[in-house]
N, C-alpha and C. Protein backbone atom coordinates (compact mmCIF):
# COMPACT_ATOMS: atom_id res chain seq x y z
N UNK A 1 -38.65 -28.53 59.71
CA UNK A 1 -38.54 -27.79 58.66
C UNK A 1 -38.49 -25.86 59.17
N UNK A 2 -38.30 -25.00 58.06
CA UNK A 2 -37.85 -23.73 58.22
C UNK A 2 -38.32 -22.98 57.55
N UNK A 3 -39.13 -21.83 57.67
CA UNK A 3 -39.70 -21.10 56.77
C UNK A 3 -38.71 -19.56 56.46
N UNK A 4 -38.92 -19.29 55.37
CA UNK A 4 -37.78 -18.01 54.70
C UNK A 4 -38.56 -16.78 54.35
N UNK A 5 -37.69 -15.63 54.65
CA UNK A 5 -38.72 -14.25 54.07
C UNK A 5 -38.40 -13.95 52.79
N UNK A 6 -39.91 -13.60 52.28
CA UNK A 6 -39.89 -13.51 51.13
C UNK A 6 -39.77 -11.61 51.10
N UNK A 7 -38.84 -11.52 49.88
CA UNK A 7 -39.08 -9.88 49.72
C UNK A 7 -38.27 -9.33 50.56
N UNK A 8 -37.67 -9.74 51.73
CA UNK A 8 -36.13 -9.00 52.49
C UNK A 8 -35.02 -9.07 51.86
N UNK A 9 -34.11 -8.24 52.35
CA UNK A 9 -32.65 -8.22 52.03
C UNK A 9 -32.25 -9.61 52.33
N UNK A 10 -32.35 -10.33 53.22
CA UNK A 10 -31.55 -11.31 53.21
C UNK A 10 -32.16 -12.29 53.88
N UNK A 11 -32.11 -13.88 53.66
CA UNK A 11 -33.41 -14.60 53.94
C UNK A 11 -32.55 -14.89 55.10
N UNK A 12 -33.38 -15.08 56.30
CA UNK A 12 -33.08 -15.84 57.68
C UNK A 12 -33.80 -17.33 57.82
N UNK A 13 -33.62 -18.35 58.31
CA UNK A 13 -33.64 -19.25 58.89
C UNK A 13 -33.98 -19.65 60.29
N UNK A 14 -35.22 -19.81 60.35
CA UNK A 14 -35.27 -20.16 61.97
C UNK A 14 -36.15 -21.31 62.13
N UNK A 15 -36.04 -21.84 63.46
CA UNK A 15 -36.48 -22.87 64.18
C UNK A 15 -38.32 -22.96 63.75
N UNK A 16 -38.97 -23.31 63.07
CA UNK A 16 -40.38 -23.74 63.21
C UNK A 16 -41.37 -23.77 64.14
N UNK A 17 -42.15 -23.28 64.32
CA UNK A 17 -43.11 -23.29 65.58
C UNK A 17 -43.86 -24.67 65.86
N UNK A 18 -43.91 -25.57 66.30
CA UNK A 18 -44.42 -26.39 66.93
C UNK A 18 -45.67 -26.55 66.76
N UNK A 19 -46.35 -27.71 66.08
CA UNK A 19 -48.37 -27.28 66.10
C UNK A 19 -48.25 -27.99 66.92
N UNK A 20 -48.72 -27.64 68.01
CA UNK A 20 -49.31 -28.30 69.56
C UNK A 20 -50.09 -27.40 70.38
N UNK A 21 -50.91 -27.18 70.98
CA UNK A 21 -51.56 -26.37 71.94
C UNK A 21 -50.63 -25.08 72.85
N UNK A 22 -49.98 -25.66 73.39
CA UNK A 22 -48.76 -25.05 74.04
C UNK A 22 -48.20 -23.79 73.27
N UNK A 23 -47.61 -24.45 72.08
CA UNK A 23 -46.82 -23.22 71.06
C UNK A 23 -48.42 -22.58 70.51
N UNK A 24 -49.26 -22.50 70.53
CA UNK A 24 -50.55 -21.97 69.48
C UNK A 24 -50.82 -21.18 70.97
N UNK A 25 -50.89 -21.24 72.25
CA UNK A 25 -51.27 -20.27 73.06
C UNK A 25 -49.55 -19.44 73.28
N UNK A 26 -48.51 -19.66 73.02
CA UNK A 26 -47.91 -19.06 73.16
C UNK A 26 -47.59 -17.89 71.90
N UNK A 27 -47.77 -18.47 70.72
CA UNK A 27 -48.15 -17.57 69.75
C UNK A 27 -49.49 -16.18 69.77
N UNK A 28 -50.21 -16.72 70.09
CA UNK A 28 -51.29 -15.68 70.35
C UNK A 28 -51.26 -15.10 71.46
N UNK A 29 -50.26 -15.51 72.47
CA UNK A 29 -49.96 -14.43 73.70
C UNK A 29 -49.18 -12.93 72.74
N UNK A 30 -48.24 -14.18 71.79
CA UNK A 30 -46.77 -12.73 71.28
C UNK A 30 -47.54 -11.75 70.29
N UNK A 31 -48.57 -12.54 69.12
CA UNK A 31 -49.11 -11.39 68.49
C UNK A 31 -49.99 -10.73 69.48
N UNK A 32 -50.78 -10.93 69.84
CA UNK A 32 -51.09 -10.42 70.90
C UNK A 32 -50.63 -9.11 71.71
N UNK A 33 -49.49 -9.08 71.69
CA UNK A 33 -48.66 -8.45 73.17
C UNK A 33 -47.41 -7.78 72.02
N UNK A 34 -47.48 -7.90 70.40
CA UNK A 34 -46.98 -6.43 69.80
C UNK A 34 -47.96 -6.24 69.23
N UNK A 35 -49.38 -6.85 69.29
CA UNK A 35 -50.55 -5.93 68.63
C UNK A 35 -50.74 -4.45 69.70
N UNK A 36 -50.85 -4.84 70.87
CA UNK A 36 -50.60 -3.88 71.78
C UNK A 36 -49.85 -2.99 71.92
N UNK A 37 -48.79 -3.56 71.73
CA UNK A 37 -47.26 -2.26 71.61
C UNK A 37 -47.52 -1.28 70.98
N UNK A 38 -47.54 -2.19 69.95
CA UNK A 38 -47.60 -0.84 68.39
C UNK A 38 -48.84 0.30 69.34
N UNK A 39 -50.17 -0.41 69.12
CA UNK A 39 -51.53 0.17 69.49
C UNK A 39 -51.17 1.25 70.51
N UNK A 40 -50.15 0.99 71.41
CA UNK A 40 -49.69 1.61 72.39
C UNK A 40 -48.29 2.78 72.02
N UNK A 41 -48.04 2.64 71.15
CA UNK A 41 -46.71 3.49 70.67
C UNK A 41 -47.10 5.18 70.42
N UNK A 42 -45.94 5.47 70.35
CA UNK A 42 -45.77 6.62 69.17
C UNK A 42 -45.53 6.76 68.04
N UNK A 43 -44.71 5.30 68.06
CA UNK A 43 -43.78 5.25 66.54
C UNK A 43 -43.95 3.14 66.46
N UNK A 44 -44.27 3.22 65.06
CA UNK A 44 -44.01 2.04 65.38
C UNK A 44 -42.62 1.17 65.00
N UNK A 45 -42.39 1.60 63.98
CA UNK A 45 -40.76 1.59 63.65
C UNK A 45 -39.76 1.39 65.02
N UNK A 46 -39.88 2.21 66.33
CA UNK A 46 -38.84 2.30 67.58
C UNK A 46 -39.79 0.79 68.32
N UNK A 47 -40.68 0.68 68.04
CA UNK A 47 -41.49 -0.53 68.81
C UNK A 47 -41.21 -1.61 67.98
N UNK A 48 -41.33 -1.68 66.81
CA UNK A 48 -40.60 -2.75 65.70
C UNK A 48 -39.12 -3.37 66.68
N UNK A 49 -38.38 -2.26 66.17
CA UNK A 49 -36.74 -2.38 67.01
C UNK A 49 -36.74 -2.86 67.87
N UNK A 50 -37.55 -2.34 69.00
CA UNK A 50 -37.18 -2.95 70.36
C UNK A 50 -37.87 -4.48 70.17
N UNK A 51 -38.97 -5.04 69.53
CA UNK A 51 -39.48 -6.16 69.83
C UNK A 51 -37.98 -7.00 68.86
N UNK A 52 -37.54 -6.89 67.87
CA UNK A 52 -36.48 -7.30 67.12
C UNK A 52 -34.67 -7.90 67.43
N UNK A 53 -34.89 -7.06 68.98
CA UNK A 53 -34.08 -6.56 69.67
C UNK A 53 -34.30 -7.41 70.83
N UNK A 54 -34.98 -7.54 71.26
CA UNK A 54 -35.98 -8.29 72.35
C UNK A 54 -35.43 -9.65 72.06
N UNK A 55 -36.21 -9.78 71.14
CA UNK A 55 -36.10 -11.32 70.47
C UNK A 55 -34.89 -11.98 69.79
N UNK A 56 -33.75 -10.94 69.69
CA UNK A 56 -32.53 -11.68 69.09
C UNK A 56 -32.96 -11.96 67.98
N UNK A 57 -33.53 -10.75 67.26
CA UNK A 57 -33.44 -11.52 65.73
C UNK A 57 -32.42 -10.52 64.72
N UNK A 58 -31.54 -9.78 65.59
CA UNK A 58 -30.54 -9.58 64.51
C UNK A 58 -29.67 -8.93 65.25
N UNK A 59 -28.32 -9.46 65.35
CA UNK A 59 -27.45 -8.35 66.11
C UNK A 59 -27.32 -7.21 66.05
N UNK A 60 -27.97 -6.31 65.13
CA UNK A 60 -28.14 -5.05 65.35
C UNK A 60 -29.48 -4.97 64.73
N UNK A 61 -30.66 -4.48 65.85
CA UNK A 61 -31.78 -4.48 65.63
C UNK A 61 -32.38 -2.73 65.02
N UNK A 62 -31.79 -2.76 63.77
CA UNK A 62 -32.13 -2.06 62.83
C UNK A 62 -33.56 -2.12 61.86
N UNK A 63 -34.43 -1.29 62.34
CA UNK A 63 -35.72 -1.48 60.91
C UNK A 63 -34.85 -0.47 59.50
N UNK A 64 -34.81 -1.24 58.81
CA UNK A 64 -34.77 -0.30 57.09
C UNK A 64 -36.21 -1.13 56.72
N UNK A 65 -36.72 0.58 55.68
CA UNK A 65 -37.42 0.16 54.67
C UNK A 65 -37.17 0.02 53.04
N UNK A 66 -37.96 -1.22 53.08
CA UNK A 66 -37.31 -1.35 51.34
C UNK A 66 -38.23 -0.68 50.56
N UNK A 67 -37.71 0.26 50.02
CA UNK A 67 -39.40 0.81 48.86
C UNK A 67 -39.77 -0.01 47.76
N UNK A 68 -41.15 0.17 47.68
CA UNK A 68 -41.83 -0.49 46.59
C UNK A 68 -42.27 0.19 45.65
N UNK A 69 -41.25 0.50 44.61
CA UNK A 69 -42.14 1.21 43.33
C UNK A 69 -42.83 0.90 42.29
N UNK A 70 -43.17 1.55 41.73
CA UNK A 70 -44.03 1.35 40.19
C UNK A 70 -45.55 1.19 41.07
N UNK A 71 -46.24 1.59 42.14
CA UNK A 71 -47.63 1.34 42.46
C UNK A 71 -47.57 2.97 43.12
N UNK A 72 -49.43 3.03 42.40
CA UNK A 72 -49.94 4.47 42.39
C UNK A 72 -50.75 4.47 43.15
N UNK A 73 -51.13 4.88 44.42
CA UNK A 73 -52.20 5.08 45.25
C UNK A 73 -52.87 6.41 45.83
N UNK A 74 -53.51 6.92 44.61
CA UNK A 74 -54.09 8.46 45.33
C UNK A 74 -55.14 8.19 46.37
N UNK A 75 -54.90 9.20 46.63
CA UNK A 75 -55.71 9.54 48.28
C UNK A 75 -57.01 9.89 48.10
N UNK A 76 -57.94 8.99 48.92
CA UNK A 76 -59.62 9.25 48.64
C UNK A 76 -60.20 10.30 49.56
N UNK A 77 -61.50 11.01 48.84
CA UNK A 77 -61.88 12.20 49.55
C UNK A 77 -61.80 12.25 50.98
N UNK A 78 -61.91 10.91 51.38
CA UNK A 78 -61.88 10.62 53.02
C UNK A 78 -60.86 10.17 53.58
N UNK A 79 -59.82 10.16 53.00
CA UNK A 79 -58.27 10.38 53.83
C UNK A 79 -57.87 11.76 53.77
N UNK A 80 -58.29 12.96 52.78
CA UNK A 80 -58.37 14.12 52.44
C UNK A 80 -58.71 14.84 53.56
N UNK A 81 -59.89 14.68 53.82
CA UNK A 81 -60.67 14.98 54.79
C UNK A 81 -60.12 14.85 55.93
N UNK A 82 -59.68 13.26 56.43
CA UNK A 82 -58.64 12.94 57.47
C UNK A 82 -57.82 13.65 57.69
N UNK A 83 -56.77 14.19 56.61
CA UNK A 83 -55.68 15.20 56.75
C UNK A 83 -55.69 16.57 56.57
N UNK A 84 -56.95 16.94 56.71
CA UNK A 84 -57.76 18.26 56.77
C UNK A 84 -56.86 19.17 55.68
N UNK A 85 -57.18 18.57 54.16
CA UNK A 85 -56.55 19.03 52.89
C UNK A 85 -57.52 19.58 51.81
N UNK A 86 -57.05 20.50 51.33
CA UNK A 86 -58.16 20.31 50.11
C UNK A 86 -58.02 19.76 48.85
N UNK A 87 -59.24 19.57 48.05
CA UNK A 87 -58.86 18.63 46.42
C UNK A 87 -57.51 18.45 45.73
N UNK A 88 -56.90 19.38 45.80
CA UNK A 88 -55.89 20.07 44.89
C UNK A 88 -54.33 20.36 45.59
N UNK A 89 -54.43 19.94 46.85
CA UNK A 89 -52.61 19.87 48.18
C UNK A 89 -52.33 18.55 47.56
N UNK A 90 -50.75 18.70 47.46
CA UNK A 90 -50.83 17.42 47.30
C UNK A 90 -49.95 16.45 48.22
N UNK A 91 -50.46 15.15 48.05
CA UNK A 91 -50.63 14.00 48.74
C UNK A 91 -49.21 13.30 48.03
N UNK A 92 -48.68 12.57 48.87
CA UNK A 92 -47.38 11.84 48.51
C UNK A 92 -47.30 10.36 48.88
N UNK A 93 -47.71 9.07 48.34
CA UNK A 93 -47.83 7.96 48.65
C UNK A 93 -46.84 6.86 48.37
N UNK A 94 -46.43 6.61 49.57
CA UNK A 94 -44.77 5.71 49.43
C UNK A 94 -45.40 4.28 49.90
N UNK A 95 -45.38 3.12 49.44
CA UNK A 95 -44.93 1.85 50.43
C UNK A 95 -44.07 1.26 50.30
N UNK A 96 -43.57 0.55 51.41
CA UNK A 96 -42.43 -0.16 51.82
C UNK A 96 -42.65 -1.56 52.63
N UNK A 97 -41.52 -2.13 52.56
CA UNK A 97 -41.94 -3.56 53.53
C UNK A 97 -40.19 -3.22 54.51
N UNK A 98 -41.09 -3.06 55.67
CA UNK A 98 -40.15 -3.32 56.97
C UNK A 98 -39.75 -4.18 57.64
N UNK A 99 -38.02 -4.33 57.59
CA UNK A 99 -37.61 -5.69 57.45
C UNK A 99 -36.74 -5.27 58.50
N UNK A 100 -36.36 -6.24 59.57
CA UNK A 100 -35.23 -6.13 60.43
C UNK A 100 -34.68 -7.26 60.70
N UNK A 101 -32.98 -7.34 60.26
CA UNK A 101 -31.90 -8.79 60.32
C UNK A 101 -32.37 -10.33 59.09
N UNK A 102 -33.02 -9.70 58.27
CA UNK A 102 -33.56 -10.43 56.71
C UNK A 102 -34.86 -10.61 57.34
N UNK A 103 -35.34 -10.57 58.10
CA UNK A 103 -37.29 -10.75 58.56
C UNK A 103 -38.08 -9.73 58.12
N UNK A 104 -38.93 -9.92 57.75
CA UNK A 104 -40.32 -8.91 56.92
C UNK A 104 -40.87 -8.52 57.83
N UNK A 105 -41.27 -7.88 58.66
CA UNK A 105 -41.88 -7.27 59.71
C UNK A 105 -43.09 -6.37 59.33
N UNK A 106 -43.49 -5.83 58.22
CA UNK A 106 -44.67 -5.25 57.91
C UNK A 106 -44.54 -4.89 56.80
N UNK A 107 -45.82 -4.59 56.12
CA UNK A 107 -45.93 -3.68 54.63
C UNK A 107 -47.16 -2.86 55.34
N UNK A 108 -46.38 -1.77 54.60
CA UNK A 108 -47.28 -0.56 55.17
C UNK A 108 -47.37 0.45 53.50
N UNK A 109 -48.48 1.34 53.58
CA UNK A 109 -48.84 2.14 52.79
C UNK A 109 -48.97 3.34 53.39
N UNK A 110 -48.55 4.34 52.88
CA UNK A 110 -48.42 5.85 53.62
C UNK A 110 -48.83 6.96 52.35
N UNK A 111 -50.21 7.84 53.23
CA UNK A 111 -50.35 8.70 52.22
C UNK A 111 -49.98 10.32 53.26
N UNK A 112 -48.78 10.81 52.84
CA UNK A 112 -48.60 11.75 53.73
C UNK A 112 -48.40 13.07 52.69
N UNK A 113 -48.54 14.82 53.70
CA UNK A 113 -48.60 15.76 52.96
C UNK A 113 -47.28 16.67 52.89
N UNK A 114 -46.37 16.56 52.02
CA UNK A 114 -45.10 16.92 52.13
C UNK A 114 -44.78 18.10 52.29
N UNK A 115 -46.08 19.21 51.85
CA UNK A 115 -45.73 20.57 52.60
C UNK A 115 -45.72 20.44 54.49
N UNK A 116 -46.44 19.71 55.12
CA UNK A 116 -45.95 19.49 56.19
C UNK A 116 -45.34 19.00 56.67
N UNK A 117 -44.22 18.56 55.86
CA UNK A 117 -42.53 18.01 56.73
C UNK A 117 -41.81 19.14 56.12
N UNK A 118 -40.53 19.36 56.89
CA UNK A 118 -39.49 19.61 56.35
C UNK A 118 -38.48 19.24 54.88
N UNK A 119 -37.52 20.09 54.64
CA UNK A 119 -37.52 19.35 53.00
C UNK A 119 -35.99 18.18 53.34
N UNK A 120 -36.01 18.25 54.60
CA UNK A 120 -34.69 17.28 54.47
C UNK A 120 -35.43 16.00 55.26
N UNK A 121 -36.96 15.91 55.26
CA UNK A 121 -37.87 14.81 55.93
C UNK A 121 -38.03 14.25 54.49
N UNK A 122 -38.35 14.74 53.93
CA UNK A 122 -38.77 14.82 52.61
C UNK A 122 -37.83 14.60 51.32
N UNK A 123 -36.59 14.65 51.58
CA UNK A 123 -35.46 14.15 50.80
C UNK A 123 -35.27 12.75 51.88
N UNK A 124 -35.07 12.38 52.68
CA UNK A 124 -35.03 10.91 53.25
C UNK A 124 -35.94 10.40 52.56
N UNK A 125 -37.33 10.67 52.76
CA UNK A 125 -38.47 9.77 52.13
C UNK A 125 -37.80 9.57 50.43
N UNK A 126 -37.59 10.39 49.80
CA UNK A 126 -37.86 10.47 48.82
C UNK A 126 -36.33 9.20 48.06
N UNK A 127 -35.54 9.53 49.07
CA UNK A 127 -34.10 9.31 48.48
C UNK A 127 -33.49 7.91 49.13
N UNK A 128 -34.31 7.63 50.46
CA UNK A 128 -33.37 6.59 51.30
C UNK A 128 -34.42 5.59 51.56
N UNK A 129 -33.71 4.78 52.38
CA UNK A 129 -34.46 3.13 52.83
C UNK A 129 -34.73 3.86 54.36
N UNK A 130 -35.04 5.13 54.83
CA UNK A 130 -35.48 5.51 56.39
C UNK A 130 -36.52 5.36 56.42
N UNK A 131 -37.10 4.22 57.45
CA UNK A 131 -38.42 4.66 57.71
C UNK A 131 -38.85 5.34 58.09
N UNK A 132 -40.77 6.00 57.61
CA UNK A 132 -41.46 7.06 57.40
C UNK A 132 -41.20 7.06 59.12
N UNK A 133 -41.99 6.59 59.98
CA UNK A 133 -41.23 6.69 61.52
C UNK A 133 -40.10 7.76 61.73
N UNK A 134 -39.29 7.17 60.91
CA UNK A 134 -37.49 7.69 61.82
C UNK A 134 -37.25 8.92 61.31
N UNK A 135 -38.09 9.29 60.43
CA UNK A 135 -37.71 10.31 58.91
C UNK A 135 -38.39 11.89 59.64
N UNK A 136 -39.95 11.08 60.72
CA UNK A 136 -40.65 12.24 60.85
C UNK A 136 -40.28 12.41 62.45
N UNK A 137 -39.28 12.11 63.43
CA UNK A 137 -39.28 11.96 64.32
C UNK A 137 -39.17 13.31 65.18
N UNK A 138 -38.69 14.63 64.56
CA UNK A 138 -38.57 15.98 65.25
C UNK A 138 -39.97 16.32 65.08
N UNK A 139 -41.00 16.10 64.82
CA UNK A 139 -42.14 16.35 64.14
C UNK A 139 -42.99 15.77 66.07
N UNK A 140 -41.95 15.08 66.64
CA UNK A 140 -42.78 14.87 68.17
C UNK A 140 -44.16 13.99 67.46
N UNK A 141 -44.00 13.10 67.09
CA UNK A 141 -45.77 12.95 66.20
C UNK A 141 -45.80 11.71 67.01
N UNK A 142 -47.79 11.82 67.25
CA UNK A 142 -48.44 11.09 68.02
C UNK A 142 -49.28 10.06 66.58
N UNK A 143 -49.99 8.69 66.81
CA UNK A 143 -51.29 8.28 66.36
C UNK A 143 -52.56 7.91 66.90
N UNK A 144 -54.06 8.26 65.92
CA UNK A 144 -54.46 7.61 66.20
C UNK A 144 -55.27 6.63 65.55
N UNK A 145 -55.35 6.09 66.18
CA UNK A 145 -55.81 4.42 65.36
C UNK A 145 -57.93 4.60 65.06
N UNK A 146 -57.44 4.60 63.48
CA UNK A 146 -58.65 4.76 62.76
C UNK A 146 -59.18 2.92 62.94
N UNK A 147 -58.20 2.16 63.11
CA UNK A 147 -59.10 0.65 63.04
C UNK A 147 -57.95 -0.65 63.32
N UNK A 148 -57.84 -1.36 63.49
CA UNK A 148 -56.92 -2.55 63.64
C UNK A 148 -58.30 -3.81 63.82
N UNK A 149 -57.17 -4.77 62.91
CA UNK A 149 -58.16 -6.01 62.98
C UNK A 149 -57.26 -6.95 63.06
N UNK A 150 -57.48 -8.05 63.39
CA UNK A 150 -56.57 -9.57 63.51
C UNK A 150 -56.63 -10.06 62.56
N UNK A 151 -55.83 -10.42 61.91
CA UNK A 151 -56.23 -11.23 60.47
C UNK A 151 -56.00 -12.55 60.44
N UNK A 152 -55.49 -13.28 61.48
CA UNK A 152 -55.16 -14.64 61.98
C UNK A 152 -55.14 -15.15 63.02
N UNK A 153 -55.61 -15.92 63.57
CA UNK A 153 -55.43 -16.47 65.09
C UNK A 153 -55.22 -17.73 65.15
N UNK A 154 -54.11 -18.48 65.85
CA UNK A 154 -53.83 -19.38 65.76
C UNK A 154 -54.76 -20.64 66.89
N UNK A 155 -55.56 -20.07 67.43
CA UNK A 155 -56.99 -21.10 67.84
C UNK A 155 -58.06 -20.04 67.14
N UNK A 156 -59.16 -21.21 67.82
CA UNK A 156 -60.79 -20.59 66.81
C UNK A 156 -61.19 -19.44 68.23
N UNK A 157 -62.62 -19.47 67.20
CA UNK A 157 -62.92 -18.17 68.01
C UNK A 157 -63.62 -19.00 69.46
N UNK A 158 -63.64 -18.33 70.30
CA UNK A 158 -64.37 -19.10 72.05
C UNK A 158 -63.59 -20.26 72.56
N UNK A 159 -62.10 -20.05 71.75
CA UNK A 159 -61.16 -21.54 72.08
C UNK A 159 -61.96 -22.07 73.61
N UNK A 160 -61.66 -20.75 74.51
CA UNK A 160 -61.67 -20.57 75.71
C UNK A 160 -62.74 -21.83 76.50
N UNK A 161 -63.70 -21.43 75.72
CA UNK A 161 -65.09 -22.21 76.19
C UNK A 161 -65.47 -23.86 75.94
N UNK A 162 -64.16 -24.40 75.17
CA UNK A 162 -63.77 -25.82 74.82
C UNK A 162 -63.43 -26.40 74.95
N UNK A 163 -62.73 -27.85 74.52
CA UNK A 163 -62.03 -28.25 74.63
C UNK A 163 -60.10 -28.29 73.92
N UNK A 164 -59.48 -28.24 74.59
CA UNK A 164 -58.14 -27.63 73.37
C UNK A 164 -58.12 -28.63 72.30
N UNK A 165 -57.69 -27.64 71.16
CA UNK A 165 -57.43 -28.30 70.03
C UNK A 165 -57.06 -29.36 70.04
N UNK A 166 -56.94 -30.31 69.36
CA UNK A 166 -56.43 -31.82 69.18
C UNK A 166 -54.74 -31.25 67.70
N UNK A 167 -54.03 -32.29 68.88
CA UNK A 167 -52.76 -31.78 68.21
C UNK A 167 -52.38 -32.49 67.01
N UNK A 168 -51.44 -31.58 65.90
CA UNK A 168 -51.75 -32.60 64.32
C UNK A 168 -51.43 -33.62 64.79
N UNK A 169 -51.88 -34.64 63.59
CA UNK A 169 -51.78 -36.44 63.64
C UNK A 169 -50.08 -36.69 63.43
N UNK A 170 -49.44 -35.63 62.71
CA UNK A 170 -48.24 -36.01 62.30
C UNK A 170 -47.46 -35.51 63.01
N UNK A 171 -46.54 -36.32 63.59
CA UNK A 171 -45.35 -36.49 64.45
C UNK A 171 -44.48 -35.47 64.10
N UNK A 172 -44.22 -34.53 65.03
CA UNK A 172 -42.80 -33.34 64.47
C UNK A 172 -43.66 -31.83 63.08
N UNK A 173 -45.14 -31.91 63.37
CA UNK A 173 -45.74 -31.49 62.59
C UNK A 173 -45.51 -29.60 62.76
N UNK A 174 -45.64 -28.66 62.27
CA UNK A 174 -45.24 -27.40 62.65
C UNK A 174 -46.24 -26.36 62.35
N UNK A 175 -46.29 -25.51 62.84
CA UNK A 175 -47.54 -24.74 62.79
C UNK A 175 -47.54 -23.63 60.89
N UNK A 176 -48.30 -23.92 60.92
CA UNK A 176 -48.72 -23.36 59.27
C UNK A 176 -49.27 -21.85 59.60
N UNK A 177 -47.94 -20.39 60.23
CA UNK A 177 -48.57 -18.92 60.14
C UNK A 177 -48.44 -18.70 58.37
N UNK A 178 -49.80 -17.95 58.55
CA UNK A 178 -49.96 -17.56 57.38
C UNK A 178 -48.96 -16.16 57.48
N UNK A 179 -48.94 -15.30 55.75
CA UNK A 179 -48.21 -14.33 55.85
C UNK A 179 -48.57 -12.98 56.52
N UNK A 180 -49.60 -12.43 56.64
CA UNK A 180 -50.30 -11.13 57.29
C UNK A 180 -51.24 -11.75 58.86
N UNK A 181 -50.69 -11.05 59.95
CA UNK A 181 -50.70 -11.68 61.12
C UNK A 181 -52.52 -10.64 61.74
N UNK A 182 -52.31 -8.98 61.58
CA UNK A 182 -52.74 -8.21 61.95
C UNK A 182 -52.45 -6.87 60.91
N UNK A 183 -53.53 -6.26 61.28
CA UNK A 183 -53.37 -4.86 60.54
C UNK A 183 -54.05 -3.25 61.02
N UNK A 184 -53.34 -2.42 61.01
CA UNK A 184 -53.60 -1.27 61.72
C UNK A 184 -53.72 -0.15 60.87
N UNK A 185 -55.02 0.33 60.94
CA UNK A 185 -54.77 2.29 59.99
C UNK A 185 -54.48 3.06 60.93
N UNK A 186 -54.27 4.13 61.05
CA UNK A 186 -53.76 5.08 61.58
C UNK A 186 -53.89 6.42 60.82
N UNK A 187 -53.88 7.39 61.84
CA UNK A 187 -53.46 9.46 61.11
C UNK A 187 -52.28 9.79 62.17
N UNK A 188 -51.22 10.26 61.47
CA UNK A 188 -50.06 10.65 62.65
C UNK A 188 -50.48 11.93 62.58
N UNK A 189 -49.81 12.66 63.70
CA UNK A 189 -50.39 14.50 63.70
C UNK A 189 -49.07 14.63 64.52
N UNK A 190 -48.68 15.98 63.89
CA UNK A 190 -48.15 16.46 64.61
C UNK A 190 -47.88 16.48 66.53
N UNK A 191 -46.75 17.39 66.79
CA UNK A 191 -47.34 17.76 68.54
C UNK A 191 -48.04 19.08 68.29
N UNK A 192 -48.42 19.55 67.50
CA UNK A 192 -49.00 21.14 67.40
C UNK A 192 -50.76 19.98 67.12
N UNK A 193 -51.25 18.78 66.47
CA UNK A 193 -52.69 18.53 65.61
C UNK A 193 -52.92 18.32 65.13
N UNK A 194 -51.63 18.75 64.03
CA UNK A 194 -51.84 18.97 62.66
C UNK A 194 -51.68 17.20 62.01
N UNK A 195 -52.77 17.40 61.25
CA UNK A 195 -52.67 15.88 60.76
C UNK A 195 -51.89 16.16 59.63
N UNK A 196 -50.73 15.14 59.45
CA UNK A 196 -49.91 14.75 58.17
C UNK A 196 -49.61 13.52 57.42
N UNK A 197 -49.75 12.33 57.58
CA UNK A 197 -49.76 11.03 57.51
C UNK A 197 -51.17 10.65 57.78
N UNK A 198 -51.44 9.61 56.83
CA UNK A 198 -52.04 8.23 57.00
C UNK A 198 -51.48 7.29 57.12
N UNK A 199 -51.53 5.79 57.70
CA UNK A 199 -50.83 4.72 57.29
C UNK A 199 -51.72 3.21 57.63
N UNK A 200 -51.69 2.57 56.81
CA UNK A 200 -52.00 1.44 56.62
C UNK A 200 -51.14 0.57 56.73
N UNK A 201 -50.63 -0.25 58.16
CA UNK A 201 -49.75 -1.49 58.54
C UNK A 201 -50.35 -2.73 58.06
N UNK A 202 -49.51 -3.69 57.78
CA UNK A 202 -50.08 -5.07 57.84
C UNK A 202 -49.22 -6.11 57.99
N UNK A 203 -49.01 -6.38 59.58
CA UNK A 203 -47.50 -6.96 60.01
C UNK A 203 -47.98 -8.20 59.57
N UNK A 204 -46.37 -8.99 59.85
CA UNK A 204 -46.38 -9.89 58.71
C UNK A 204 -45.76 -11.08 59.82
N UNK A 205 -45.59 -12.19 59.27
CA UNK A 205 -45.26 -13.24 60.51
C UNK A 205 -43.81 -13.34 60.77
N UNK A 206 -43.31 -12.23 59.71
CA UNK A 206 -41.66 -12.39 60.27
C UNK A 206 -41.00 -12.05 61.99
N UNK A 207 -42.76 -11.57 62.75
CA UNK A 207 -42.64 -10.71 63.75
C UNK A 207 -42.63 -12.16 64.68
N UNK A 208 -42.76 -13.56 63.90
CA UNK A 208 -42.28 -14.93 64.66
C UNK A 208 -41.15 -15.29 65.01
N UNK A 209 -40.55 -15.11 64.18
CA UNK A 209 -39.37 -15.81 63.38
C UNK A 209 -37.67 -15.72 63.59
N UNK A 210 -38.28 -16.23 65.41
CA UNK A 210 -37.16 -16.11 66.67
C UNK A 210 -37.20 -18.01 66.94
N UNK A 211 -36.50 -18.29 67.51
CA UNK A 211 -36.66 -19.79 68.30
C UNK A 211 -37.91 -19.68 69.49
N UNK A 212 -38.69 -20.74 69.37
CA UNK A 212 -40.20 -20.73 70.00
C UNK A 212 -38.99 -21.17 71.47
N UNK A 213 -39.84 -20.39 72.78
CA UNK A 213 -39.53 -20.75 73.72
C UNK A 213 -39.49 -22.48 74.39
N UNK A 214 -38.76 -22.70 75.45
CA UNK A 214 -38.44 -24.16 75.62
C UNK A 214 -39.88 -24.64 76.33
N UNK A 215 -40.18 -26.02 75.64
CA UNK A 215 -41.74 -26.14 76.54
C UNK A 215 -40.60 -27.43 77.63
N UNK A 216 -41.71 -27.88 78.94
CA UNK A 216 -41.43 -28.67 79.60
C UNK A 216 -41.95 -30.39 79.39
């Protein structure tokens, strides 16, 4: 059985992960690794591209943003405070799915202050599929994480203190990986420490859509 990517520009079928203890440990390690890599980075987009290339998920590891139209989420008073703007300062909202090689890697909500971006950056965000992180690279941005949450784990809490989970009774069973793996909420700042965007990113199982490592 192989799972397909929903909502991506193209479908990519990959071998499924087996449902056994070793595979669950491997998946947990991979999720924690990409989670830590993104938290430590200045650009989630560039981190995702490197992940896609390192795991041969695309012949050309390029992350693109599929714009999700028809969605409106006005900035809250708390978000305006974090972005250091007044109640009447224009804030734009952008929702995208980030994909690479047909794999859905994340879904992102983005609130940004257009007057703190250049006209060229605003055009890229409004008219093209350029990921937000790439569009604003000339600002030399950095991130401050507001929150990070693991949504799913292949192993139960305190698994290290008990017996290994029993493998699935069905021969050849595959691991049931949900769509959402973990979530980040962050504020982006310019090199001059001026906040210009708040993002909420939900990272998807597409991050694991590559052939599992061989087992002994």
